[in-house]
N, C-alpha and C. Protein backbone atom coordinates (compact mmCIF):
# COMPACT_ATOMS: atom_id res chain seq x y z
N UNK A 1 -20.47 -37.62 -24.04
CA UNK A 1 -21.48 -36.72 -24.57
C UNK A 1 -22.82 -37.01 -23.97
N UNK A 2 -23.53 -36.08 -23.52
CA UNK A 2 -24.81 -36.17 -22.84
C UNK A 2 -25.92 -36.57 -23.78
N UNK A 3 -26.52 -37.78 -23.68
CA UNK A 3 -27.58 -38.17 -24.59
C UNK A 3 -28.76 -37.25 -24.60
N UNK A 4 -29.11 -36.65 -23.39
CA UNK A 4 -30.15 -35.73 -23.28
C UNK A 4 -29.92 -34.48 -24.17
N UNK A 5 -28.70 -33.95 -24.26
CA UNK A 5 -28.36 -32.82 -25.13
C UNK A 5 -28.51 -33.19 -26.55
N UNK A 6 -28.06 -34.41 -26.93
CA UNK A 6 -28.15 -34.86 -28.25
C UNK A 6 -29.61 -34.93 -28.72
N UNK A 7 -30.51 -35.48 -27.76
CA UNK A 7 -31.91 -35.45 -28.05
C UNK A 7 -32.52 -34.09 -28.24
N UNK A 8 -32.06 -33.13 -27.47
CA UNK A 8 -32.56 -31.77 -27.67
C UNK A 8 -32.17 -31.19 -28.94
N UNK A 9 -31.10 -31.57 -29.60
CA UNK A 9 -30.74 -31.02 -30.88
C UNK A 9 -31.74 -31.43 -32.01
N UNK A 10 -32.47 -32.53 -31.76
CA UNK A 10 -33.47 -32.90 -32.88
C UNK A 10 -34.82 -32.59 -32.39
N UNK A 11 -35.02 -31.86 -31.27
CA UNK A 11 -36.31 -31.46 -30.77
C UNK A 11 -36.59 -29.96 -30.64
N UNK A 12 -35.49 -29.27 -30.34
CA UNK A 12 -35.58 -27.81 -30.18
C UNK A 12 -35.42 -27.05 -31.51
N UNK A 13 -36.09 -26.02 -31.59
CA UNK A 13 -36.01 -25.24 -32.75
C UNK A 13 -35.32 -23.86 -32.51
N UNK A 14 -34.81 -23.29 -33.57
CA UNK A 14 -34.10 -21.93 -33.39
C UNK A 14 -35.22 -20.96 -33.14
N UNK A 15 -35.12 -20.13 -32.08
CA UNK A 15 -36.20 -19.29 -31.68
C UNK A 15 -36.21 -17.92 -32.33
N UNK A 16 -35.13 -17.59 -33.16
CA UNK A 16 -35.12 -16.26 -33.68
C UNK A 16 -34.20 -16.31 -35.01
N UNK A 17 -34.25 -15.22 -35.75
CA UNK A 17 -33.33 -15.04 -36.89
C UNK A 17 -33.85 -15.65 -38.12
N UNK A 18 -32.88 -15.65 -39.07
CA UNK A 18 -33.13 -16.21 -40.39
C UNK A 18 -33.67 -17.68 -40.40
N UNK A 19 -33.22 -18.50 -39.47
CA UNK A 19 -33.59 -19.95 -39.42
C UNK A 19 -34.59 -20.16 -38.31
N UNK A 20 -35.36 -19.14 -37.89
CA UNK A 20 -36.31 -19.39 -36.88
C UNK A 20 -37.30 -20.50 -37.27
N UNK A 21 -37.53 -21.45 -36.26
CA UNK A 21 -38.42 -22.51 -36.49
C UNK A 21 -37.71 -23.79 -36.99
N UNK A 22 -36.41 -23.65 -37.49
CA UNK A 22 -35.77 -24.85 -37.89
C UNK A 22 -35.08 -25.61 -36.74
N UNK A 23 -35.15 -26.90 -36.78
CA UNK A 23 -34.49 -27.65 -35.72
C UNK A 23 -32.97 -27.30 -35.67
N UNK A 24 -32.46 -27.29 -34.38
CA UNK A 24 -31.07 -26.99 -34.21
C UNK A 24 -30.15 -27.86 -34.99
N UNK A 25 -30.55 -29.16 -35.09
CA UNK A 25 -29.80 -30.19 -35.78
C UNK A 25 -29.78 -29.92 -37.35
N UNK A 26 -30.70 -29.07 -37.81
CA UNK A 26 -30.77 -28.82 -39.25
C UNK A 26 -30.22 -27.46 -39.68
N UNK A 27 -29.59 -26.75 -38.71
CA UNK A 27 -29.01 -25.48 -38.99
C UNK A 27 -27.76 -25.69 -39.93
N UNK A 28 -27.58 -24.76 -40.90
CA UNK A 28 -26.46 -24.97 -41.79
C UNK A 28 -25.09 -24.67 -41.07
N UNK A 29 -24.04 -25.34 -41.47
CA UNK A 29 -22.72 -25.21 -40.87
C UNK A 29 -22.21 -23.78 -40.80
N UNK A 30 -22.32 -23.02 -41.95
CA UNK A 30 -21.87 -21.70 -41.90
C UNK A 30 -22.54 -20.80 -40.85
N UNK A 31 -23.81 -21.03 -40.59
CA UNK A 31 -24.56 -20.29 -39.60
C UNK A 31 -23.98 -20.62 -38.19
N UNK A 32 -23.70 -21.91 -38.01
CA UNK A 32 -23.16 -22.32 -36.77
C UNK A 32 -21.71 -21.79 -36.52
N UNK A 33 -20.99 -21.68 -37.64
CA UNK A 33 -19.63 -21.23 -37.58
C UNK A 33 -19.66 -19.69 -37.26
N UNK A 34 -20.64 -18.96 -37.77
CA UNK A 34 -20.77 -17.59 -37.47
C UNK A 34 -20.95 -17.38 -35.97
N UNK A 35 -21.78 -18.14 -35.39
CA UNK A 35 -22.00 -18.09 -33.96
C UNK A 35 -20.73 -18.41 -33.21
N UNK A 36 -19.95 -19.35 -33.68
CA UNK A 36 -18.70 -19.73 -33.09
C UNK A 36 -17.75 -18.59 -33.07
N UNK A 37 -17.75 -17.80 -34.18
CA UNK A 37 -16.84 -16.63 -34.28
C UNK A 37 -17.37 -15.41 -33.39
N UNK A 38 -18.68 -15.17 -33.45
CA UNK A 38 -19.25 -14.05 -32.82
C UNK A 38 -19.64 -14.23 -31.39
N UNK A 39 -19.85 -15.47 -30.99
CA UNK A 39 -20.28 -15.80 -29.67
C UNK A 39 -21.57 -16.40 -29.64
N UNK A 40 -21.77 -17.52 -28.94
CA UNK A 40 -23.06 -18.19 -28.77
C UNK A 40 -23.89 -17.42 -27.76
N UNK A 41 -25.19 -17.45 -27.97
CA UNK A 41 -26.04 -16.84 -26.95
C UNK A 41 -25.89 -17.55 -25.62
N UNK A 42 -26.32 -16.88 -24.61
CA UNK A 42 -26.22 -17.49 -23.22
C UNK A 42 -27.21 -18.58 -22.98
N UNK A 43 -27.05 -19.40 -21.98
CA UNK A 43 -28.04 -20.48 -21.59
C UNK A 43 -28.03 -21.71 -22.46
N UNK A 44 -29.11 -22.37 -22.33
CA UNK A 44 -29.29 -23.67 -23.02
C UNK A 44 -29.10 -23.56 -24.51
N UNK A 45 -29.72 -22.51 -25.15
CA UNK A 45 -29.68 -22.29 -26.52
C UNK A 45 -28.20 -22.24 -27.02
N UNK A 46 -27.38 -21.45 -26.33
CA UNK A 46 -26.02 -21.39 -26.63
C UNK A 46 -25.25 -22.64 -26.51
N UNK A 47 -25.51 -23.44 -25.46
CA UNK A 47 -24.89 -24.76 -25.32
C UNK A 47 -25.29 -25.71 -26.48
N UNK A 48 -26.53 -25.66 -26.82
CA UNK A 48 -27.00 -26.57 -27.94
C UNK A 48 -26.29 -26.11 -29.30
N UNK A 49 -26.30 -24.85 -29.48
CA UNK A 49 -25.68 -24.38 -30.73
C UNK A 49 -24.19 -24.66 -30.75
N UNK A 50 -23.48 -24.55 -29.65
CA UNK A 50 -22.07 -24.93 -29.55
C UNK A 50 -21.89 -26.39 -29.77
N UNK A 51 -22.70 -27.23 -29.24
CA UNK A 51 -22.62 -28.70 -29.39
C UNK A 51 -22.86 -29.01 -30.87
N UNK A 52 -23.91 -28.47 -31.43
CA UNK A 52 -24.16 -28.71 -32.91
C UNK A 52 -23.05 -28.28 -33.79
N UNK A 53 -22.43 -27.12 -33.45
CA UNK A 53 -21.29 -26.67 -34.20
C UNK A 53 -20.15 -27.68 -34.21
N UNK A 54 -19.85 -28.18 -32.96
CA UNK A 54 -18.80 -29.19 -32.80
C UNK A 54 -19.12 -30.46 -33.63
N UNK A 55 -20.33 -30.91 -33.55
CA UNK A 55 -20.74 -32.09 -34.32
C UNK A 55 -20.54 -31.85 -35.78
N UNK A 56 -21.06 -30.73 -36.22
CA UNK A 56 -21.00 -30.43 -37.68
C UNK A 56 -19.57 -30.26 -38.10
N UNK A 57 -18.79 -29.44 -37.39
CA UNK A 57 -17.39 -29.17 -37.70
C UNK A 57 -16.54 -30.47 -37.82
N UNK A 58 -16.85 -31.39 -36.92
CA UNK A 58 -16.06 -32.57 -36.93
C UNK A 58 -16.64 -33.73 -37.68
N UNK A 59 -17.68 -33.45 -38.41
CA UNK A 59 -18.26 -34.49 -39.28
C UNK A 59 -19.10 -35.59 -38.48
N UNK A 60 -19.55 -35.17 -37.41
CA UNK A 60 -20.27 -36.16 -36.52
C UNK A 60 -21.79 -36.02 -36.43
N UNK A 61 -22.37 -35.15 -37.33
CA UNK A 61 -23.73 -34.89 -37.31
C UNK A 61 -24.60 -36.17 -37.56
N UNK A 62 -23.94 -37.23 -38.14
CA UNK A 62 -24.66 -38.49 -38.31
C UNK A 62 -25.05 -39.22 -37.06
N UNK A 63 -24.39 -38.76 -35.96
CA UNK A 63 -24.73 -39.39 -34.62
C UNK A 63 -26.20 -39.07 -34.32
N UNK A 64 -26.82 -38.05 -34.93
CA UNK A 64 -28.17 -37.73 -34.60
C UNK A 64 -29.15 -38.49 -35.35
N UNK A 65 -28.75 -39.25 -36.38
CA UNK A 65 -29.62 -40.01 -37.23
C UNK A 65 -30.53 -41.01 -36.47
N UNK A 66 -29.96 -41.83 -35.52
CA UNK A 66 -30.87 -42.74 -34.77
C UNK A 66 -31.93 -41.99 -33.94
N UNK A 67 -31.55 -40.81 -33.40
CA UNK A 67 -32.52 -40.05 -32.64
C UNK A 67 -33.64 -39.53 -33.42
N UNK A 68 -33.37 -39.17 -34.75
CA UNK A 68 -34.44 -38.76 -35.59
C UNK A 68 -35.35 -39.96 -35.91
N UNK A 69 -34.77 -41.17 -36.16
CA UNK A 69 -35.57 -42.34 -36.41
C UNK A 69 -36.47 -42.76 -35.32
N UNK A 70 -36.04 -42.50 -34.11
CA UNK A 70 -36.87 -42.95 -32.92
C UNK A 70 -38.06 -42.00 -32.72
N UNK A 71 -38.09 -40.93 -33.44
CA UNK A 71 -39.16 -39.94 -33.24
C UNK A 71 -38.81 -38.86 -32.23
N UNK A 72 -37.57 -38.75 -31.82
CA UNK A 72 -37.17 -37.73 -30.89
C UNK A 72 -37.32 -36.37 -31.52
N UNK A 73 -37.33 -36.30 -32.86
CA UNK A 73 -37.40 -34.99 -33.49
C UNK A 73 -38.78 -34.49 -33.79
N UNK A 74 -39.81 -35.13 -33.28
CA UNK A 74 -41.18 -34.77 -33.58
C UNK A 74 -41.77 -33.58 -32.74
N UNK A 75 -41.05 -33.31 -31.65
CA UNK A 75 -41.63 -32.24 -30.76
C UNK A 75 -41.47 -30.94 -31.42
N UNK A 76 -40.25 -30.52 -31.78
CA UNK A 76 -40.05 -29.37 -32.59
C UNK A 76 -40.06 -28.01 -31.92
N UNK A 77 -40.60 -27.87 -30.75
CA UNK A 77 -40.75 -26.55 -30.11
C UNK A 77 -39.65 -26.39 -29.05
N UNK A 78 -39.12 -25.13 -29.04
CA UNK A 78 -38.16 -24.84 -27.97
C UNK A 78 -38.83 -24.32 -26.76
N UNK A 79 -38.01 -23.97 -25.78
CA UNK A 79 -38.58 -23.41 -24.56
C UNK A 79 -38.86 -21.97 -24.64
C-alpha cells in the first residue's frame, strides 16, 4: 500500500456532493459502497475513494489513525 495515498486520504476533501468538504477518510461506508456499485470517478479522486472503500470494507480504516496524529490531516483541501 502506497503511504503517499494513505496520507492523501486524511488531507483531501470530497470536492462535490452531499459530503463536499469532508475528508475522504471521514466519508461514511454506505457512501463509499454506493460509488463502488455505480463506479468511482476518474483520476486521483476515484483512486482515493476506491482505496478508502477497501479500507472501510475490510475494517482497516484504523490504519489512518497514526497519519491523523502526525498532523497529516490538517491540510484539508483537494486539488
